[in-house]
Amino acid sequence: MPNLPKFASWLINLVLYPFNWLFQKVSDWIVSAINQIPFPDWWYQAQSFWSGLPSDVLYLVSWFNLGWGLTIMFSAYGIRFLIRRIPFFG
């Protein structure tokens, strides 16, 4: 009787292995496809933009958490864009 949980775990792993393998391959493919997208030149110069701002502006930007807010806003727009592409949901 004590081997029953081991057998059940082995059986579940046997059934789920193809799905796990497929998910891993698809996600590796998606990551490699996204890594092939080239960044525009202005993306690399964004650091110089932030360093060129006066200290008063940088204080307000940090006080209002503008970086966090922009991250949330652009993530929401990205998720909205993806959801709108799904049939019957968008």
C-alpha atoms as a PDB file:
ATOM      1  CA  MET A   1       0.000   0.000   0.000  1.00  0.00           C
ATOM      2  CA  PRO A   2       2.808   2.543   0.636  1.00  0.00           C
ATOM      3  CA  ASN A   3       3.885   2.365  -3.029  1.00  0.00           C
ATOM      4  CA  LEU A   4       0.492   3.575  -4.271  1.00  0.00           C
ATOM      5  CA  PRO A   5       1.329   7.323  -3.947  1.00  0.00           C
ATOM      6  CA  LYS A   6       4.632   6.766  -5.766  1.00  0.00           C
ATOM      7  CA  PHE A   7       2.845   4.918  -8.547  1.00  0.00           C
ATOM      8  CA  ALA A   8       0.185   7.642  -8.812  1.00  0.00           C
ATOM      9  CA  SER A   9       2.873  10.309  -9.001  1.00  0.00           C
ATOM     10  CA  TRP A  10       4.734   8.348 -11.671  1.00  0.00           C
ATOM     11  CA  LEU A  11       1.528   7.879 -13.670  1.00  0.00           C
ATOM     12  CA  ILE A  12       0.670  11.579 -13.492  1.00  0.00           C
ATOM     13  CA  ASN A  13       4.181  12.505 -14.619  1.00  0.00           C
ATOM     14  CA  LEU A  14       3.921  10.021 -17.483  1.00  0.00           C
ATOM     15  CA  VAL A  15       0.668  11.562 -18.687  1.00  0.00           C
ATOM     16  CA  LEU A  16       1.799  15.177 -18.281  1.00  0.00           C
ATOM     17  CA  TYR A  17       5.306  14.775 -19.749  1.00  0.00           C
ATOM     18  CA  PRO A  18       4.325  15.353 -23.416  1.00  0.00           C
ATOM     19  CA  PHE A  19       2.421  18.506 -22.509  1.00  0.00           C
ATOM     20  CA  ASN A  20       5.326  19.831 -20.431  1.00  0.00           C
ATOM     21  CA  TRP A  21       7.764  19.064 -23.236  1.00  0.00           C
ATOM     22  CA  LEU A  22       5.542  20.796 -25.820  1.00  0.00           C
ATOM     23  CA  PHE A  23       5.068  23.841 -23.589  1.00  0.00           C
ATOM     24  CA  GLN A  24       8.820  24.113 -23.070  1.00  0.00           C
ATOM     25  CA  LYS A  25       9.549  23.907 -26.798  1.00  0.00           C
ATOM     26  CA  VAL A  26       6.872  26.461 -27.708  1.00  0.00           C
ATOM     27  CA  SER A  27       7.998  28.908 -25.022  1.00  0.00           C
ATOM     28  CA  ASP A  28      11.641  28.534 -26.092  1.00  0.00           C
ATOM     29  CA  TRP A  29      10.584  29.281 -29.663  1.00  0.00           C
ATOM     30  CA  ILE A  30       8.601  32.359 -28.589  1.00  0.00           C
ATOM     31  CA  VAL A  31      11.520  33.700 -26.543  1.00  0.00           C
ATOM     32  CA  SER A  32      13.959  33.195 -29.420  1.00  0.00           C
ATOM     33  CA  ALA A  33      11.526  34.898 -31.832  1.00  0.00           C
ATOM     34  CA  ILE A  34      11.168  37.899 -29.520  1.00  0.00           C
ATOM     35  CA  ASN A  35      14.952  38.118 -29.123  1.00  0.00           C
ATOM     36  CA  GLN A  36      15.274  38.454 -32.916  1.00  0.00           C
ATOM     37  CA  ILE A  37      13.332  41.756 -32.927  1.00  0.00           C
ATOM     38  CA  PRO A  38      15.851  44.578 -33.298  1.00  0.00           C
ATOM     39  CA  PHE A  39      15.666  47.577 -30.963  1.00  0.00           C
ATOM     40  CA  PRO A  40      15.555  51.049 -32.523  1.00  0.00           C
ATOM     41  CA  ASP A  41      18.522  53.362 -32.065  1.00  0.00           C
ATOM     42  CA  TRP A  42      16.667  55.765 -29.794  1.00  0.00           C
ATOM     43  CA  TRP A  43      16.161  52.948 -27.275  1.00  0.00           C
ATOM     44  CA  TYR A  44      19.869  52.901 -26.481  1.00  0.00           C
ATOM     45  CA  GLN A  45      19.941  56.683 -26.064  1.00  0.00           C
ATOM     46  CA  ALA A  46      17.101  56.773 -23.515  1.00  0.00           C
ATOM     47  CA  GLN A  47      19.586  56.755 -20.621  1.00  0.00           C
ATOM     48  CA  SER A  48      21.109  60.016 -21.824  1.00  0.00           C
ATOM     49  CA  PHE A  49      17.615  61.556 -21.909  1.00  0.00           C
ATOM     50  CA  TRP A  50      17.006  60.816 -18.220  1.00  0.00           C
ATOM     51  CA  SER A  51      20.444  62.026 -17.186  1.00  0.00           C
ATOM     52  CA  GLY A  52      19.858  65.316 -19.035  1.00  0.00           C
ATOM     53  CA  LEU A  53      16.810  66.259 -16.939  1.00  0.00           C
ATOM     54  CA  PRO A  54      17.218  68.844 -14.180  1.00  0.00           C
ATOM     55  CA  SER A  55      17.305  67.623 -10.589  1.00  0.00           C
ATOM     56  CA  ASP A  56      13.940  69.262  -9.762  1.00  0.00           C
ATOM     57  CA  VAL A  57      12.214  67.288 -12.499  1.00  0.00           C
ATOM     58  CA  LEU A  58      13.925  64.072 -11.434  1.00  0.00           C
ATOM     59  CA  TYR A  59      12.748  64.666  -7.861  1.00  0.00           C
ATOM     60  CA  LEU A  60       9.121  64.957  -9.005  1.00  0.00           C
ATOM     61  CA  VAL A  61       9.476  61.945 -11.284  1.00  0.00           C
ATOM     62  CA  SER A  62      10.740  59.837  -8.391  1.00  0.00           C
ATOM     63  CA  TRP A  63       8.197  61.270  -5.941  1.00  0.00           C
ATOM     64  CA  PHE A  64       5.251  60.411  -8.217  1.00  0.00           C
ATOM     65  CA  ASN A  65       6.750  56.994  -9.147  1.00  0.00           C
ATOM     66  CA  LEU A  66       6.482  57.836 -12.815  1.00  0.00           C
ATOM     67  CA  GLY A  67       8.607  54.850 -13.857  1.00  0.00           C
ATOM     68  CA  TRP A  68       6.305  52.410 -12.072  1.00  0.00           C
ATOM     69  CA  GLY A  69       3.204  54.123 -13.481  1.00  0.00           C
ATOM     70  CA  LEU A  70       4.526  54.039 -17.043  1.00  0.00           C
ATOM     71  CA  THR A  71       5.384  50.353 -16.653  1.00  0.00           C
ATOM     72  CA  ILE A  72       1.855  49.549 -15.498  1.00  0.00           C
ATOM     73  CA  MET A  73       0.292  51.678 -18.227  1.00  0.00           C
ATOM     74  CA  PHE A  74       2.297  50.180 -21.087  1.00  0.00           C
ATOM     75  CA  SER A  75       1.768  46.661 -19.734  1.00  0.00           C
ATOM     76  CA  ALA A  76      -1.980  47.281 -19.658  1.00  0.00           C
ATOM     77  CA  TYR A  77      -1.916  48.571 -23.233  1.00  0.00           C
ATOM     78  CA  GLY A  78       0.089  45.516 -24.320  1.00  0.00           C
ATOM     79  CA  ILE A  79      -2.307  43.103 -22.624  1.00  0.00           C
ATOM     80  CA  ARG A  80      -5.279  44.963 -24.111  1.00  0.00           C
ATOM     81  CA  PHE A  81      -3.685  44.710 -27.563  1.00  0.00           C
ATOM     82  CA  LEU A  82      -3.165  40.960 -27.167  1.00  0.00           C
ATOM     83  CA  ILE A  83      -6.673  40.352 -25.832  1.00  0.00           C
ATOM     84  CA  ARG A  84      -8.183  42.286 -28.724  1.00  0.00           C
ATOM     85  CA  ARG A  85      -6.504  39.841 -31.127  1.00  0.00           C
ATOM     86  CA  ILE A  86      -8.219  36.792 -29.571  1.00  0.00           C
ATOM     87  CA  PRO A  87     -11.435  35.931 -31.409  1.00  0.00           C
ATOM     88  CA  PHE A  88     -14.653  36.051 -29.363  1.00  0.00           C
ATOM     89  CA  PHE A  89     -12.949  38.101 -26.601  1.00  0.00           C
ATOM     90  CA  GLY A  90     -11.981  41.288 -28.444  1.00  0.00           C
END
